[in-house]
């Protein structure tokens, strides 16, 4: 089972945090900081698998069969450009399958945004969550077919287009462009 899916930039700022198991917010924040420091300090040629930090490791006295297999125990990650993609999972998940899952997730984002960059993910976090929801539900991987994932996200209509001035309210300008005094000429010319 997948316990969490995290995305950080090189400075440790979370871009996506999705926990599939219930944890206190304070533990989540400490875990995020601890995992980022572990992953960011690894040499580039290192293995992409780490044991779970002691913060979530099960107590040494409790090792019943069901409890041991359900407790998180492995951190799997990939580093692409300025982003770290991290999966926290139980021992029942294959680490190589998790590396492949991360690869499929990144490729799906790349197809949705046509050469995805960190800014696309910052301003379109709904698309990141929708893509992840197409792949994982409740900590269980349900889809890895790239075409189905992309089609599912596009069908939801959550992939945002670059903003263009469309004055459908009779010429009255509203929103952030009007607030900044840009009038009706506010057009963002994309990439």
Protein backbone atom coordinates (compact mmCIF):
# COMPACT_ATOMS: atom_id res chain seq x y z
CA UNK A 1 0.00 0.00 0.00
CA UNK A 2 1.13 3.52 -0.73
CA UNK A 3 1.05 5.68 2.39
CA UNK A 4 2.02 9.03 0.86
CA UNK A 5 2.99 10.67 -2.42
CA UNK A 6 5.11 13.82 -2.13
CA UNK A 7 6.63 16.30 -4.59
CA UNK A 8 9.27 18.83 -3.49
CA UNK A 9 11.42 21.33 -5.31
CA UNK A 10 15.18 21.61 -4.74
CA UNK A 11 14.66 24.10 -1.89
CA UNK A 12 12.36 21.75 0.03
CA UNK A 13 9.11 23.54 -0.75
CA UNK A 14 6.30 20.99 -1.10
CA UNK A 15 4.49 21.12 -4.43
CA UNK A 16 2.22 18.16 -3.68
CA UNK A 17 1.55 16.26 -0.46
CA UNK A 18 -0.98 13.46 -0.54
CA UNK A 19 -1.24 11.17 2.49
CA UNK A 20 -3.29 7.98 2.20
CA UNK A 21 -2.98 7.16 5.88
CA UNK A 22 -4.15 9.41 8.67
CA UNK A 23 -1.40 11.29 10.51
CA UNK A 24 -1.42 14.33 12.74
CA UNK A 25 -0.52 17.52 10.92
CA UNK A 26 2.53 18.06 13.13
CA UNK A 27 3.84 14.58 12.30
CA UNK A 28 3.17 15.17 8.60
CA UNK A 29 5.18 18.39 8.67
CA UNK A 30 8.07 16.80 10.55
CA UNK A 31 7.99 13.81 8.20
CA UNK A 32 8.05 16.05 5.12
CA UNK A 33 11.06 17.98 6.45
CA UNK A 34 12.89 14.82 7.50
CA UNK A 35 12.31 12.97 4.22
CA UNK A 36 13.36 15.96 2.15
CA UNK A 37 16.61 16.32 4.10
CA UNK A 38 17.34 12.59 3.63
CA UNK A 39 16.62 12.63 -0.09
CA UNK A 40 18.26 15.97 -0.92
CA UNK A 41 21.53 15.04 0.81
CA UNK A 42 22.03 11.83 -1.14
CA UNK A 43 24.77 11.74 -3.79
CA UNK A 44 23.49 11.71 -7.41
CA UNK A 45 24.59 8.09 -8.05
CA UNK A 46 22.86 6.68 -4.97
CA UNK A 47 20.08 4.13 -4.90
CA UNK A 48 16.54 5.55 -5.09
CA UNK A 49 15.31 3.52 -2.11
CA UNK A 50 15.64 4.45 1.56
CA UNK A 51 14.37 2.95 4.80
CA UNK A 52 11.68 5.01 6.47
CA UNK A 53 12.93 7.58 9.00
CA UNK A 54 12.36 6.64 12.67
CA UNK A 55 9.49 9.14 12.93
CA UNK A 56 7.03 6.68 11.36
CA UNK A 57 8.81 3.39 11.87
CA UNK A 58 6.71 0.92 13.86
CA UNK A 59 7.66 0.39 17.50
CA UNK A 60 10.08 -2.48 18.01
CA UNK A 61 7.72 -4.30 20.37
CA UNK A 62 4.73 -4.50 18.01
CA UNK A 63 5.34 -6.91 15.17
CA UNK A 64 2.05 -8.66 14.57
CA UNK A 65 1.68 -9.94 10.99
CA UNK A 66 -1.10 -7.64 9.77
CA UNK A 67 0.26 -4.58 11.54
CA UNK A 68 3.81 -5.09 10.23
CA UNK A 69 2.67 -5.44 6.61
CA UNK A 70 0.44 -2.33 6.81
CA UNK A 71 2.99 -0.01 8.39
CA UNK A 72 5.05 2.25 6.14
CA UNK A 73 8.62 1.10 5.77
CA UNK A 74 10.12 2.30 2.47
CA UNK A 75 10.86 5.64 0.80
CA UNK A 76 11.22 5.54 -2.99
CA UNK A 77 12.12 8.66 -4.95
CA UNK A 78 13.16 10.06 -8.33
CA UNK A 79 14.78 13.41 -9.03
CA UNK A 80 13.74 15.19 -12.24
CA UNK A 81 15.19 18.64 -13.03
CA UNK A 82 14.22 20.76 -9.99
CA UNK A 83 11.69 18.36 -8.45
CA UNK A 84 11.82 15.31 -6.19
CA UNK A 85 8.97 12.80 -6.52
CA UNK A 86 8.72 10.67 -3.37
CA UNK A 87 6.54 7.68 -2.47
CA UNK A 88 6.23 6.29 1.06
CA UNK A 89 4.98 2.72 1.01
CA UNK A 90 4.69 -0.54 2.89
CA UNK A 91 7.03 -3.47 2.40
CA UNK A 92 4.37 -5.20 0.25
CA UNK A 93 4.94 -2.75 -2.63
CA UNK A 94 7.67 -3.45 -5.16
CA UNK A 95 10.25 -0.64 -5.15
CA UNK A 96 10.82 -1.04 -8.89
CA UNK A 97 7.09 -0.78 -9.53
CA UNK A 98 7.06 2.44 -7.51
CA UNK A 99 9.89 3.87 -9.61
CA UNK A 100 7.82 3.02 -12.68
CA UNK A 101 4.74 4.62 -11.07
CA UNK A 102 6.67 7.85 -10.54
CA UNK A 103 7.84 7.72 -14.17
CA UNK A 104 4.26 7.29 -15.43
CA UNK A 105 3.10 10.19 -13.23
CA UNK A 106 5.81 12.50 -14.61
CA UNK A 107 5.08 11.45 -18.20
CA UNK A 108 1.35 12.06 -17.67
CA UNK A 109 2.06 15.57 -16.38
CA UNK A 110 4.38 16.16 -19.32
CA UNK A 111 1.64 15.16 -21.77
CA UNK A 112 -0.97 17.28 -20.04
CA UNK A 113 1.16 20.42 -19.98
CA UNK A 114 3.32 19.82 -23.08
CA UNK A 115 6.81 20.14 -21.59
CA UNK A 116 5.84 20.55 -17.97
CA UNK A 117 7.86 22.83 -15.73
CA UNK A 118 7.65 23.66 -12.05
CA UNK A 119 5.58 26.79 -12.68
CA UNK A 120 2.92 24.71 -14.45
CA UNK A 121 2.64 22.61 -11.31
CA UNK A 122 2.52 25.61 -8.99
CA UNK A 123 -0.31 27.33 -10.84
CA UNK A 124 -2.19 24.15 -11.76
CA UNK A 125 -1.99 22.07 -8.62
CA UNK A 126 -5.53 20.79 -9.31
CA UNK A 127 -4.16 19.00 -12.36
CA UNK A 128 -1.44 17.37 -10.26
CA UNK A 129 -4.03 16.08 -7.80
CA UNK A 130 -6.38 14.94 -10.58
CA UNK A 131 -3.56 13.04 -12.29
CA UNK A 132 -2.61 11.35 -9.05
CA UNK A 133 -6.27 10.52 -8.36
CA UNK A 134 -6.49 8.82 -11.75
CA UNK A 135 -3.56 6.60 -10.76
CA UNK A 136 -3.98 5.95 -7.02
CA UNK A 137 -7.10 5.67 -4.89
CA UNK A 138 -6.86 5.06 -1.17
CA UNK A 139 -3.21 4.08 -1.44
CA UNK A 140 -3.82 1.41 -4.08
CA UNK A 141 -2.54 1.80 -7.65
CA UNK A 142 -5.52 1.47 -9.99
CA UNK A 143 -4.17 2.71 -13.32
CA UNK A 144 -0.78 2.87 -15.00
CA UNK A 145 -1.85 3.17 -18.64
CA UNK A 146 -0.60 6.61 -19.67
CA UNK A 147 -3.25 7.19 -22.34
CA UNK A 148 -6.11 6.39 -19.95
CA UNK A 149 -4.69 8.62 -17.23
CA UNK A 150 -4.30 11.61 -19.53
CA UNK A 151 -7.74 11.05 -21.08
CA UNK A 152 -9.32 10.82 -17.62
CA UNK A 153 -7.76 14.09 -16.44
CA UNK A 154 -8.71 15.88 -19.65
CA UNK A 155 -12.28 14.56 -19.36
CA UNK A 156 -12.51 16.16 -15.91
CA UNK A 157 -11.55 19.50 -17.43
CA UNK A 158 -9.03 20.38 -14.71
CA UNK A 159 -6.14 21.09 -17.05
CA UNK A 160 -6.04 24.86 -17.03
CA UNK A 161 -5.30 26.85 -20.12
CA UNK A 162 -3.08 29.91 -20.06
CA UNK A 163 -5.21 32.95 -19.16
CA UNK A 164 -6.37 35.08 -22.08
CA UNK A 165 -8.59 38.15 -21.87
CA UNK A 166 -12.14 37.03 -22.59
CA UNK A 167 -14.57 39.76 -21.70
CA UNK A 168 -17.93 37.99 -21.62
CA UNK A 169 -19.43 40.35 -19.06
CA UNK A 170 -20.09 43.26 -21.42
CA UNK A 171 -16.65 44.78 -21.29
CA UNK A 172 -16.39 45.05 -17.50
CA UNK A 173 -13.01 43.87 -16.35
CA UNK A 174 -12.80 41.85 -13.16
CA UNK A 175 -10.22 39.68 -11.49
CA UNK A 176 -6.55 40.21 -10.84
CA UNK A 177 -5.95 42.22 -14.03
CA UNK A 178 -8.48 44.85 -12.98
CA UNK A 179 -7.10 44.91 -9.44
CA UNK A 180 -3.65 45.75 -10.78
CA UNK A 181 -5.04 48.55 -12.97
CA UNK A 182 -4.43 46.76 -16.25
CA UNK A 183 -7.89 47.43 -17.67
CA UNK A 184 -9.12 45.25 -20.51
CA UNK A 185 -5.70 44.80 -22.13
CA UNK A 186 -4.44 42.17 -19.69
CA UNK A 187 -3.27 39.19 -21.72
CA UNK A 188 -0.69 36.74 -20.56
CA UNK A 189 1.44 35.68 -23.50
CA UNK A 190 2.45 32.14 -22.55
CA UNK A 191 5.80 30.43 -22.56
